[in-house]
Amino acid sequence: MRKLLFVSFLLFILPVASAIGAYHHGEDTDSDIVLDVYPAIEGTKLDSCALCHSGGEYEKKAGVFVSMGSCQWCHSSFGYDESGDINSTMNEYELDYQTQEKSREAIAAIE
């Protein structure tokens, strides 16, 4: 029984909690606004942090670069302690969204 509970935790609860925690973190309401305007993207690749955050790369050693996805790049650049520059992780869509004051109207203006 303990094994079954542990396996259930690893296969279902942990991934779901991680996804919710990563995408709808802090006081973020931006993902809710986007899903309100574009409900059809729910559950697709656009329904993620990658909608607004870009990936990046760093030089591991002279001439050797390591690419990171949007989540990795954000946590590397901005940090888990939020001491970095969050704007350095944003893609053009998010920068336009911020310029338009982050609202449903902003999404229409970007279109």
PDB file of N, CA and C in Angstrom:
ATOM      1  N   MET A   1       0.829  -1.197   0.000  1.00  0.00           N
ATOM      2  CA  MET A   1       0.000   0.000   0.000  1.00  0.00           C
ATOM      3  C   MET A   1       0.868   1.253   0.000  1.00  0.00           C
ATOM      4  N   ARG A   2       1.929   1.251   0.804  1.00  0.00           N
ATOM      5  CA  ARG A   2       2.824   2.418   0.847  1.00  0.00           C
ATOM      6  C   ARG A   2       3.478   2.650  -0.506  1.00  0.00           C
ATOM      7  N   LYS A   3       3.869   1.558  -1.159  1.00  0.00           N
ATOM      8  CA  LYS A   3       4.492   1.684  -2.479  1.00  0.00           C
ATOM      9  C   LYS A   3       3.514   2.302  -3.471  1.00  0.00           C
ATOM     10  N   LEU A   4       2.280   1.852  -3.417  1.00  0.00           N
ATOM     11  CA  LEU A   4       1.255   2.383  -4.318  1.00  0.00           C
ATOM     12  C   LEU A   4       1.048   3.876  -4.095  1.00  0.00           C
ATOM     13  N   LEU A   5       0.980   4.302  -2.863  1.00  0.00           N
ATOM     14  CA  LEU A   5       0.829   5.727  -2.553  1.00  0.00           C
ATOM     15  C   LEU A   5       2.040   6.521  -3.021  1.00  0.00           C
ATOM     16  N   PHE A   6       3.220   5.982  -2.797  1.00  0.00           N
ATOM     17  CA  PHE A   6       4.447   6.669  -3.200  1.00  0.00           C
ATOM     18  C   PHE A   6       4.520   6.809  -4.721  1.00  0.00           C
ATOM     19  N   VAL A   7       4.211   5.732  -5.426  1.00  0.00           N
ATOM     20  CA  VAL A   7       4.222   5.761  -6.896  1.00  0.00           C
ATOM     21  C   VAL A   7       3.164   6.734  -7.403  1.00  0.00           C
ATOM     22  N   SER A   8       1.992   6.738  -6.794  1.00  0.00           N
ATOM     23  CA  SER A   8       0.933   7.683  -7.181  1.00  0.00           C
ATOM     24  C   SER A   8       1.399   9.116  -6.998  1.00  0.00           C
ATOM     25  N   PHE A   9       2.079   9.367  -5.895  1.00  0.00           N
ATOM     26  CA  PHE A   9       2.610  10.697  -5.625  1.00  0.00           C
ATOM     27  C   PHE A   9       3.599  11.113  -6.705  1.00  0.00           C
ATOM     28  N   LEU A  10       4.515  10.229  -7.043  1.00  0.00           N
ATOM     29  CA  LEU A  10       5.534  10.543  -8.048  1.00  0.00           C
ATOM     30  C   LEU A  10       4.950  10.739  -9.433  1.00  0.00           C
ATOM     31  N   LEU A  11       3.980   9.930  -9.792  1.00  0.00           N
ATOM     32  CA  LEU A  11       3.432   9.969 -11.149  1.00  0.00           C
ATOM     33  C   LEU A  11       2.351  11.010 -11.369  1.00  0.00           C
ATOM     34  N   PHE A  12       1.623  11.365 -10.329  1.00  0.00           N
ATOM     35  CA  PHE A  12       0.506  12.279 -10.534  1.00  0.00           C
ATOM     36  C   PHE A  12       0.607  13.562  -9.724  1.00  0.00           C
ATOM     37  N   ILE A  13       0.656  13.458  -8.452  1.00  0.00           N
ATOM     38  CA  ILE A  13       0.559  14.629  -7.584  1.00  0.00           C
ATOM     39  C   ILE A  13       1.743  15.569  -7.749  1.00  0.00           C
ATOM     40  N   LEU A  14       2.945  15.043  -7.730  1.00  0.00           N
ATOM     41  CA  LEU A  14       4.134  15.888  -7.850  1.00  0.00           C
ATOM     42  C   LEU A  14       4.182  16.643  -9.175  1.00  0.00           C
ATOM     43  N   PRO A  15       3.994  15.979 -10.337  1.00  0.00           N
ATOM     44  CA  PRO A  15       4.009  16.732 -11.595  1.00  0.00           C
ATOM     45  C   PRO A  15       2.921  17.792 -11.691  1.00  0.00           C
ATOM     46  N   VAL A  16       1.715  17.486 -11.221  1.00  0.00           N
ATOM     47  CA  VAL A  16       0.615  18.458 -11.282  1.00  0.00           C
ATOM     48  C   VAL A  16       0.919  19.651 -10.392  1.00  0.00           C
ATOM     49  N   ALA A  17       1.377  19.404  -9.189  1.00  0.00           N
ATOM     50  CA  ALA A  17       1.712  20.493  -8.271  1.00  0.00           C
ATOM     51  C   ALA A  17       2.838  21.351  -8.829  1.00  0.00           C
ATOM     52  N   SER A  18       3.819  20.738  -9.457  1.00  0.00           N
ATOM     53  CA  SER A  18       4.932  21.484 -10.039  1.00  0.00           C
ATOM     54  C   SER A  18       4.458  22.367 -11.178  1.00  0.00           C
ATOM     55  N   ALA A  19       3.602  21.830 -12.028  1.00  0.00           N
ATOM     56  CA  ALA A  19       3.112  22.605 -13.168  1.00  0.00           C
ATOM     57  C   ALA A  19       2.300  23.805 -12.718  1.00  0.00           C
ATOM     58  N   ILE A  20       1.432  23.603 -11.746  1.00  0.00           N
ATOM     59  CA  ILE A  20       0.615  24.705 -11.246  1.00  0.00           C
ATOM     60  C   ILE A  20       1.500  25.736 -10.552  1.00  0.00           C
ATOM     61  N   GLY A  21       2.424  25.276  -9.751  1.00  0.00           N
ATOM     62  CA  GLY A  21       3.312  26.172  -9.022  1.00  0.00           C
ATOM     63  C   GLY A  21       4.194  26.993  -9.939  1.00  0.00           C
ATOM     64  N   ALA A  22       4.631  26.397 -11.022  1.00  0.00           N
ATOM     65  CA  ALA A  22       5.536  27.089 -11.930  1.00  0.00           C
ATOM     66  C   ALA A  22       4.799  28.108 -12.797  1.00  0.00           C
ATOM     67  N   TYR A  23       3.632  27.752 -13.273  1.00  0.00           N
ATOM     68  CA  TYR A  23       2.946  28.607 -14.221  1.00  0.00           C
ATOM     69  C   TYR A  23       2.123  29.689 -13.538  1.00  0.00           C
ATOM     70  N   HIS A  24       1.447  29.364 -12.498  1.00  0.00           N
ATOM     71  CA  HIS A  24       0.622  30.332 -11.768  1.00  0.00           C
ATOM     72  C   HIS A  24       1.299  30.649 -10.446  1.00  0.00           C
ATOM     73  N   HIS A  25       2.439  31.289 -10.520  1.00  0.00           N
ATOM     74  CA  HIS A  25       3.195  31.538  -9.299  1.00  0.00           C
ATOM     75  C   HIS A  25       2.982  32.945  -8.777  1.00  0.00           C
ATOM     76  N   GLY A  26       3.237  33.114  -7.493  1.00  0.00           N
ATOM     77  CA  GLY A  26       3.142  34.434  -6.879  1.00  0.00           C
ATOM     78  C   GLY A  26       1.788  35.071  -7.092  1.00  0.00           C
ATOM     79  N   GLU A  27       1.813  36.340  -7.387  1.00  0.00           N
ATOM     80  CA  GLU A  27       0.590  37.110  -7.614  1.00  0.00           C
ATOM     81  C   GLU A  27       0.275  37.237  -9.106  1.00  0.00           C
ATOM     82  N   ASP A  28       0.846  36.359  -9.915  1.00  0.00           N
ATOM     83  CA  ASP A  28       0.683  36.422 -11.362  1.00  0.00           C
ATOM     84  C   ASP A  28      -0.763  36.207 -11.779  1.00  0.00           C
ATOM     85  N   THR A  29      -1.288  37.146 -12.544  1.00  0.00           N
ATOM     86  CA  THR A  29      -2.628  36.993 -13.119  1.00  0.00           C
ATOM     87  C   THR A  29      -2.563  37.008 -14.645  1.00  0.00           C
ATOM     88  N   ASP A  30      -1.358  37.194 -15.186  1.00  0.00           N
ATOM     89  CA  ASP A  30      -1.200  37.304 -16.631  1.00  0.00           C
ATOM     90  C   ASP A  30      -1.664  36.049 -17.368  1.00  0.00           C
ATOM     91  N   SER A  31      -1.332  34.874 -16.836  1.00  0.00           N
ATOM     92  CA  SER A  31      -1.749  33.643 -17.506  1.00  0.00           C
ATOM     93  C   SER A  31      -3.273  33.528 -17.520  1.00  0.00           C
ATOM     94  N   ASP A  32      -3.938  33.973 -16.466  1.00  0.00           N
ATOM     95  CA  ASP A  32      -5.401  33.954 -16.439  1.00  0.00           C
ATOM     96  C   ASP A  32      -5.990  34.905 -17.482  1.00  0.00           C
ATOM     97  N   ILE A  33      -5.373  36.060 -17.650  1.00  0.00           N
ATOM     98  CA  ILE A  33      -5.838  37.033 -18.646  1.00  0.00           C
ATOM     99  C   ILE A  33      -5.704  36.452 -20.050  1.00  0.00           C
ATOM    100  N   VAL A  34      -4.557  35.852 -20.340  1.00  0.00           N
ATOM    101  CA  VAL A  34      -4.332  35.270 -21.669  1.00  0.00           C
ATOM    102  C   VAL A  34      -5.339  34.153 -21.933  1.00  0.00           C
ATOM    103  N   LEU A  35      -5.561  33.285 -20.945  1.00  0.00           N
ATOM    104  CA  LEU A  35      -6.521  32.194 -21.137  1.00  0.00           C
ATOM    105  C   LEU A  35      -7.952  32.700 -21.269  1.00  0.00           C
ATOM    106  N   ASP A  36      -8.254  33.835 -20.659  1.00  0.00           N
ATOM    107  CA  ASP A  36      -9.578  34.433 -20.806  1.00  0.00           C
ATOM    108  C   ASP A  36      -9.773  34.921 -22.246  1.00  0.00           C
ATOM    109  N   VAL A  37      -8.733  35.500 -22.827  1.00  0.00           N
ATOM    110  CA  VAL A  37      -8.811  36.008 -24.199  1.00  0.00           C
ATOM    111  C   VAL A  37      -8.705  34.877 -25.220  1.00  0.00           C
ATOM    112  N   TYR A  38      -7.836  33.897 -24.942  1.00  0.00           N
ATOM    113  CA  TYR A  38      -7.595  32.783 -25.856  1.00  0.00           C
ATOM    114  C   TYR A  38      -7.853  31.446 -25.151  1.00  0.00           C
ATOM    115  N   PRO A  39      -9.097  31.108 -24.869  1.00  0.00           N
ATOM    116  CA  PRO A  39      -9.368  29.856 -24.151  1.00  0.00           C
ATOM    117  C   PRO A  39      -8.923  28.607 -24.915  1.00  0.00           C
ATOM    118  N   ALA A  40      -8.822  28.699 -26.224  1.00  0.00           N
ATOM    119  CA  ALA A  40      -8.439  27.531 -27.027  1.00  0.00           C
ATOM    120  C   ALA A  40      -6.989  27.103 -26.811  1.00  0.00           C
ATOM    121  N   ILE A  41      -6.148  27.976 -26.233  1.00  0.00           N
ATOM    122  CA  ILE A  41      -4.746  27.580 -26.041  1.00  0.00           C
ATOM    123  C   ILE A  41      -4.542  26.782 -24.752  1.00  0.00           C
ATOM    124  N   GLU A  42      -5.573  26.662 -23.920  1.00  0.00           N
ATOM    125  CA  GLU A  42      -5.418  25.940 -22.665  1.00  0.00           C
ATOM    126  C   GLU A  42      -4.974  24.506 -22.934  1.00  0.00           C
ATOM    127  N   GLY A  43      -3.912  24.119 -22.271  1.00  0.00           N
ATOM    128  CA  GLY A  43      -3.373  22.776 -22.414  1.00  0.00           C
ATOM    129  C   GLY A  43      -2.421  22.596 -23.579  1.00  0.00           C
ATOM    130  N   THR A  44      -2.204  23.652 -24.372  1.00  0.00           N
ATOM    131  CA  THR A  44      -1.266  23.571 -25.491  1.00  0.00           C
ATOM    132  C   THR A  44       0.096  24.118 -25.060  1.00  0.00           C
ATOM    133  N   LYS A  45       1.049  24.105 -25.984  1.00  0.00           N
ATOM    134  CA  LYS A  45       2.381  24.635 -25.688  1.00  0.00           C
ATOM    135  C   LYS A  45       2.351  26.127 -25.362  1.00  0.00           C
ATOM    136  N   LEU A  46       1.368  26.830 -25.870  1.00  0.00           N
ATOM    137  CA  LEU A  46       1.263  28.259 -25.569  1.00  0.00           C
ATOM    138  C   LEU A  46       0.768  28.511 -24.145  1.00  0.00           C
ATOM    139  N   ASP A  47       0.178  27.514 -23.542  1.00  0.00           N
ATOM    140  CA  ASP A  47      -0.341  27.620 -22.181  1.00  0.00           C
ATOM    141  C   ASP A  47       0.781  27.260 -21.202  1.00  0.00           C
ATOM    142  N   SER A  48       1.830  28.074 -21.228  1.00  0.00           N
ATOM    143  CA  SER A  48       2.984  27.812 -20.363  1.00  0.00           C
ATOM    144  C   SER A  48       3.789  29.092 -20.181  1.00  0.00           C
ATOM    145  N   CYS A  49       4.804  28.998 -19.383  1.00  0.00           N
ATOM    146  CA  CYS A  49       5.701  30.143 -19.139  1.00  0.00           C
ATOM    147  C   CYS A  49       6.368  30.608 -20.427  1.00  0.00           C
ATOM    148  N   ALA A  50       6.539  29.673 -21.380  1.00  0.00           N
ATOM    149  CA  ALA A  50       7.215  29.994 -22.641  1.00  0.00           C
ATOM    150  C   ALA A  50       6.453  31.023 -23.474  1.00  0.00           C
ATOM    151  N   LEU A  51       5.192  31.268 -23.163  1.00  0.00           N
ATOM    152  CA  LEU A  51       4.446  32.293 -23.894  1.00  0.00           C
ATOM    153  C   LEU A  51       5.125  33.649 -23.736  1.00  0.00           C
ATOM    154  N   CYS A  52       5.648  33.933 -22.555  1.00  0.00           N
ATOM    155  CA  CYS A  52       6.224  35.249 -22.266  1.00  0.00           C
ATOM    156  C   CYS A  52       7.726  35.244 -21.993  1.00  0.00           C
ATOM    157  N   HIS A  53       8.252  34.101 -21.603  1.00  0.00           N
ATOM    158  CA  HIS A  53       9.676  34.019 -21.264  1.00  0.00           C
ATOM    159  C   HIS A  53      10.442  33.307 -22.362  1.00  0.00           C
ATOM    160  N   SER A  54      11.616  33.830 -22.679  1.00  0.00           N
ATOM    161  CA  SER A  54      12.462  33.200 -23.684  1.00  0.00           C
ATOM    162  C   SER A  54      13.476  32.288 -23.024  1.00  0.00           C
ATOM    163  N   GLY A  55      14.044  31.445 -23.818  1.00  0.00           N
ATOM    164  CA  GLY A  55      15.176  30.649 -23.361  1.00  0.00           C
ATOM    165  C   GLY A  55      16.445  31.457 -23.565  1.00  0.00           C
ATOM    166  N   GLY A  56      17.555  30.864 -23.263  1.00  0.00           N
ATOM    167  CA  GLY A  56      18.822  31.550 -23.449  1.00  0.00           C
ATOM    168  C   GLY A  56      19.974  30.574 -23.380  1.00  0.00           C
ATOM    169  N   GLU A  57      21.160  31.102 -23.377  1.00  0.00           N
ATOM    170  CA  GLU A  57      22.325  30.246 -23.264  1.00  0.00           C
ATOM    171  C   GLU A  57      23.420  30.946 -22.494  1.00  0.00           C
ATOM    172  N   TYR A  58      24.296  30.160 -21.928  1.00  0.00           N
ATOM    173  CA  TYR A  58      25.436  30.712 -21.213  1.00  0.00           C
ATOM    174  C   TYR A  58      26.695  29.979 -21.661  1.00  0.00           C
ATOM    175  N   GLU A  59      27.821  30.638 -21.466  1.00  0.00           N
ATOM    176  CA  GLU A  59      29.089  30.039 -21.858  1.00  0.00           C
ATOM    177  C   GLU A  59      29.635  29.253 -20.673  1.00  0.00           C
ATOM    178  N   LYS A  60      29.664  27.936 -20.821  1.00  0.00           N
ATOM    179  CA  LYS A  60      30.116  27.042 -19.750  1.00  0.00           C
ATOM    180  C   LYS A  60      31.625  27.127 -19.586  1.00  0.00           C
ATOM    181  N   LYS A  61      32.326  27.116 -20.715  1.00  0.00           N
ATOM    182  CA  LYS A  61      33.767  27.338 -20.750  1.00  0.00           C
ATOM    183  C   LYS A  61      34.069  27.919 -22.118  1.00  0.00           C
ATOM    184  N   ALA A  62      35.248  28.393 -22.317  1.00  0.00           N
ATOM    185  CA  ALA A  62      35.608  29.101 -23.550  1.00  0.00           C
ATOM    186  C   ALA A  62      35.107  28.369 -24.799  1.00  0.00           C
ATOM    187  N   GLY A  63      34.168  28.993 -25.490  1.00  0.00           N
ATOM    188  CA  GLY A  63      33.646  28.451 -26.740  1.00  0.00           C
ATOM    189  C   GLY A  63      32.595  27.367 -26.599  1.00  0.00           C
ATOM    190  N   VAL A  64      32.226  26.981 -25.396  1.00  0.00           N
ATOM    191  CA  VAL A  64      31.215  25.948 -25.175  1.00  0.00           C
ATOM    192  C   VAL A  64      29.988  26.591 -24.543  1.00  0.00           C
ATOM    193  N   PHE A  65      28.899  26.599 -25.301  1.00  0.00           N
ATOM    194  CA  PHE A  65      27.672  27.237 -24.841  1.00  0.00           C
ATOM    195  C   PHE A  65      26.620  26.186 -24.498  1.00  0.00           C
ATOM    196  N   VAL A  66      25.847  26.463 -23.475  1.00  0.00           N
ATOM    197  CA  VAL A  66      24.781  25.571 -23.036  1.00  0.00           C
ATOM    198  C   VAL A  66      23.457  26.310 -23.215  1.00  0.00           C
ATOM    199  N   SER A  67      22.533  25.686 -23.949  1.00  0.00           N
ATOM    200  CA  SER A  67      21.205  26.277 -24.155  1.00  0.00           C
ATOM    201  C   SER A  67      20.271  25.859 -23.027  1.00  0.00           C
ATOM    202  N   MET A  68      19.386  26.777 -22.665  1.00  0.00           N
ATOM    203  CA  MET A  68      18.400  26.505 -21.619  1.00  0.00           C
ATOM    204  C   MET A  68      17.020  26.862 -22.130  1.00  0.00           C
ATOM    205  N   GLY A  69      16.022  26.092 -21.696  1.00  0.00           N
ATOM    206  CA  GLY A  69      14.635  26.407 -21.996  1.00  0.00           C
ATOM    207  C   GLY A  69      14.192  27.613 -21.188  1.00  0.00           C
ATOM    208  N   SER A  70      12.973  28.065 -21.418  1.00  0.00           N
ATOM    209  CA  SER A  70      12.494  29.285 -20.767  1.00  0.00           C
ATOM    210  C   SER A  70      12.477  29.186 -19.244  1.00  0.00           C
ATOM    211  N   CYS A  71      12.055  28.054 -18.701  1.00  0.00           N
ATOM    212  CA  CYS A  71      11.999  27.921 -17.233  1.00  0.00           C
ATOM    213  C   CYS A  71      13.400  27.935 -16.631  1.00  0.00           C
ATOM    214  N   GLN A  72      14.290  27.148 -17.225  1.00  0.00           N
ATOM    215  CA  GLN A  72      15.668  27.101 -16.729  1.00  0.00           C
ATOM    216  C   GLN A  72      16.328  28.472 -16.843  1.00  0.00           C
ATOM    217  N   TRP A  73      16.141  29.120 -17.983  1.00  0.00           N
ATOM    218  CA  TRP A  73      16.771  30.413 -18.211  1.00  0.00           C
ATOM    219  C   TRP A  73      16.257  31.462 -17.223  1.00  0.00           C
ATOM    220  N   CYS A  74      14.966  31.448 -16.965  1.00  0.00           N
ATOM    221  CA  CYS A  74      14.379  32.405 -16.026  1.00  0.00           C
ATOM    222  C   CYS A  74      14.953  32.196 -14.625  1.00  0.00           C
ATOM    223  N   HIS A  75      14.985  30.948 -14.178  1.00  0.00           N
ATOM    224  CA  HIS A  75      15.495  30.687 -12.828  1.00  0.00           C
ATOM    225  C   HIS A  75      16.991  30.944 -12.740  1.00  0.00           C
ATOM    226  N   SER A  76      17.704  30.762 -13.827  1.00  0.00           N
ATOM    227  CA  SER A  76      19.141  31.047 -13.835  1.00  0.00           C
ATOM    228  C   SER A  76      19.392  32.560 -13.838  1.00  0.00           C
ATOM    229  N   SER A  77      18.629  33.290 -14.649  1.00  0.00           N
ATOM    230  CA  SER A  77      18.826  34.742 -14.794  1.00  0.00           C
ATOM    231  C   SER A  77      18.186  35.543 -13.664  1.00  0.00           C
ATOM    232  N   PHE A  78      16.961  35.199 -13.331  1.00  0.00           N
ATOM    233  CA  PHE A  78      16.187  35.922 -12.318  1.00  0.00           C
ATOM    234  C   PHE A  78      16.448  35.349 -10.935  1.00  0.00           C
ATOM    235  N   GLY A  79      16.620  34.038 -10.878  1.00  0.00           N
ATOM    236  CA  GLY A  79      16.937  33.368  -9.618  1.00  0.00           C
ATOM    237  C   GLY A  79      15.707  32.989  -8.830  1.00  0.00           C
ATOM    238  N   TYR A  80      15.855  31.978  -8.026  1.00  0.00           N
ATOM    239  CA  TYR A  80      14.769  31.559  -7.135  1.00  0.00           C
ATOM    240  C   TYR A  80      14.537  32.605  -6.045  1.00  0.00           C
ATOM    241  N   ASP A  81      15.566  33.402  -5.774  1.00  0.00           N
ATOM    242  CA  ASP A  81      15.445  34.451  -4.757  1.00  0.00           C
ATOM    243  C   ASP A  81      15.016  35.789  -5.357  1.00  0.00           C
ATOM    244  N   GLU A  82      14.745  35.810  -6.666  1.00  0.00           N
ATOM    245  CA  GLU A  82      14.288  36.993  -7.402  1.00  0.00           C
ATOM    246  C   GLU A  82      15.282  38.146  -7.348  1.00  0.00           C
ATOM    247  N   SER A  83      16.573  37.822  -7.294  1.00  0.00           N
ATOM    248  CA  SER A  83      17.596  38.856  -7.202  1.00  0.00           C
ATOM    249  C   SER A  83      18.088  39.334  -8.566  1.00  0.00           C
ATOM    250  N   GLY A  84      17.716  38.633  -9.628  1.00  0.00           N
ATOM    251  CA  GLY A  84      18.172  38.997 -10.965  1.00  0.00           C
ATOM    252  C   GLY A  84      17.213  39.933 -11.674  1.00  0.00           C
ATOM    253  N   ASP A  85      17.430  40.088 -12.966  1.00  0.00           N
ATOM    254  CA  ASP A  85      16.619  40.984 -13.793  1.00  0.00           C
ATOM    255  C   ASP A  85      15.581  40.167 -14.558  1.00  0.00           C
ATOM    256  N   ILE A  86      14.336  40.203 -14.124  1.00  0.00           N
ATOM    257  CA  ILE A  86      13.277  39.426 -14.763  1.00  0.00           C
ATOM    258  C   ILE A  86      13.077  39.840 -16.215  1.00  0.00           C
ATOM    259  N   ASN A  87      13.288  41.116 -16.520  1.00  0.00           N
ATOM    260  CA  ASN A  87      13.088  41.579 -17.902  1.00  0.00           C
ATOM    261  C   ASN A  87      14.060  40.954 -18.883  1.00  0.00           C
ATOM    262  N   SER A  88      15.193  40.471 -18.384  1.00  0.00           N
ATOM    263  CA  SER A  88      16.157  39.818 -19.277  1.00  0.00           C
ATOM    264  C   SER A  88      15.656  38.455 -19.748  1.00  0.00           C
ATOM    265  N   THR A  89      14.581  37.954 -19.155  1.00  0.00           N
ATOM    266  CA  THR A  89      14.036  36.652 -19.547  1.00  0.00           C
ATOM    267  C   THR A  89      12.824  36.784 -20.462  1.00  0.00           C
ATOM    268  N   MET A  90      12.364  37.989 -20.700  1.00  0.00           N
ATOM    269  CA  MET A  90      11.130  38.199 -21.455  1.00  0.00           C
ATOM    270  C   MET A  90      11.354  38.143 -22.963  1.00  0.00           C
ATOM    271  N   ASN A  91      10.365  37.594 -23.663  1.00  0.00           N
ATOM    272  CA  ASN A  91      10.411  37.614 -25.126  1.00  0.00           C
ATOM    273  C   ASN A  91       9.683  38.865 -25.630  1.00  0.00           C
ATOM    274  N   GLU A  92       9.649  39.050 -26.935  1.00  0.00           N
ATOM    275  CA  GLU A  92       9.051  40.266 -27.511  1.00  0.00           C
ATOM    276  C   GLU A  92       7.564  40.394 -27.185  1.00  0.00           C
ATOM    277  N   TYR A  93       6.859  39.273 -27.163  1.00  0.00           N
ATOM    278  CA  TYR A  93       5.428  39.309 -26.841  1.00  0.00           C
ATOM    279  C   TYR A  93       5.209  39.908 -25.450  1.00  0.00           C
ATOM    280  N   GLU A  94       5.969  39.427 -24.465  1.00  0.00           N
ATOM    281  CA  GLU A  94       5.816  39.922 -23.091  1.00  0.00           C
ATOM    282  C   GLU A  94       6.233  41.379 -22.976  1.00  0.00           C
ATOM    283  N   LEU A  95       7.289  41.773 -23.670  1.00  0.00           N
ATOM    284  CA  LEU A  95       7.717  43.173 -23.604  1.00  0.00           C
ATOM    285  C   LEU A  95       6.639  44.094 -24.168  1.00  0.00           C
ATOM    286  N   ASP A  96       5.987  43.672 -25.261  1.00  0.00           N
ATOM    287  CA  ASP A  96       4.863  44.441 -25.808  1.00  0.00           C
ATOM    288  C   ASP A  96       3.689  44.460 -24.831  1.00  0.00           C
ATOM    289  N   TYR A  97       3.426  43.337 -24.222  1.00  0.00           N
ATOM    290  CA  TYR A  97       2.333  43.215 -23.242  1.00  0.00           C
ATOM    291  C   TYR A  97       2.561  44.174 -22.069  1.00  0.00           C
ATOM    292  N   GLN A  98       3.787  44.260 -21.591  1.00  0.00           N
ATOM    293  CA  GLN A  98       4.114  45.177 -20.491  1.00  0.00           C
ATOM    294  C   GLN A  98       3.950  46.627 -20.923  1.00  0.00           C
ATOM    295  N   THR A  99       4.374  46.933 -22.138  1.00  0.00           N
ATOM    296  CA  THR A  99       4.264  48.298 -22.661  1.00  0.00           C
ATOM    297  C   THR A  99       2.802  48.733 -22.738  1.00  0.00           C
ATOM    298  N   GLN A 100       1.918  47.787 -23.031  1.00  0.00           N
ATOM    299  CA  GLN A 100       0.478  48.074 -23.154  1.00  0.00           C
ATOM    300  C   GLN A 100      -0.262  47.960 -21.810  1.00  0.00           C
ATOM    301  N   GLU A 101       0.468  47.888 -20.715  1.00  0.00           N
ATOM    302  CA  GLU A 101      -0.079  47.891 -19.359  1.00  0.00           C
ATOM    303  C   GLU A 101      -0.792  46.608 -18.948  1.00  0.00           C
ATOM    304  N   LYS A 102      -0.398  45.465 -19.495  1.00  0.00           N
ATOM    305  CA  LYS A 102      -0.792  44.138 -19.028  1.00  0.00           C
ATOM    306  C   LYS A 102      -2.289  43.980 -18.765  1.00  0.00           C
ATOM    307  N   SER A 103      -3.067  43.896 -19.824  1.00  0.00           N
ATOM    308  CA  SER A 103      -4.517  43.759 -19.686  1.00  0.00           C
ATOM    309  C   SER A 103      -5.084  43.016 -20.893  1.00  0.00           C
ATOM    310  N   ARG A 104      -6.376  42.743 -20.851  1.00  0.00           N
ATOM    311  CA  ARG A 104      -7.040  42.134 -22.006  1.00  0.00           C
ATOM    312  C   ARG A 104      -6.941  43.055 -23.230  1.00  0.00           C
ATOM    313  N   GLU A 105      -7.034  44.334 -22.959  1.00  0.00           N
ATOM    314  CA  GLU A 105      -6.922  45.331 -24.032  1.00  0.00           C
ATOM    315  C   GLU A 105      -5.516  45.320 -24.626  1.00  0.00           C
ATOM    316  N   ALA A 106      -4.532  45.046 -23.796  1.00  0.00           N
ATOM    317  CA  ALA A 106      -3.145  44.985 -24.279  1.00  0.00           C
ATOM    318  C   ALA A 106      -2.998  43.856 -25.291  1.00  0.00           C
ATOM    319  N   ILE A 107      -3.625  42.732 -25.029  1.00  0.00           N
ATOM    320  CA  ILE A 107      -3.543  41.597 -25.957  1.00  0.00           C
ATOM    321  C   ILE A 107      -4.157  41.967 -27.290  1.00  0.00           C
ATOM    322  N   ALA A 108      -5.284  42.663 -27.270  1.00  0.00           N
ATOM    323  CA  ALA A 108      -5.922  43.105 -28.514  1.00  0.00           C
ATOM    324  C   ALA A 108      -5.021  44.100 -29.255  1.00  0.00           C
ATOM    325  N   ALA A 109      -4.361  44.987 -28.529  1.00  0.00           N
ATOM    326  CA  ALA A 109      -3.475  45.962 -29.157  1.00  0.00           C
ATOM    327  C   ALA A 109      -2.265  45.289 -29.788  1.00  0.00           C
ATOM    328  N   ILE A 110      -1.764  44.253 -29.171  1.00  0.00           N
ATOM    329  CA  ILE A 110      -0.602  43.527 -29.720  1.00  0.00           C
ATOM    330  C   ILE A 110      -0.986  42.825 -31.016  1.00  0.00           C
ATOM    331  N   GLU A 111      -2.198  42.276 -31.067  1.00  0.00           N
ATOM    332  CA  GLU A 111      -2.670  41.617 -32.294  1.00  0.00           C
ATOM    333  C   GLU A 111      -2.624  42.592 -33.443  1.00  0.00           C
TER     334      GLU A 111
END
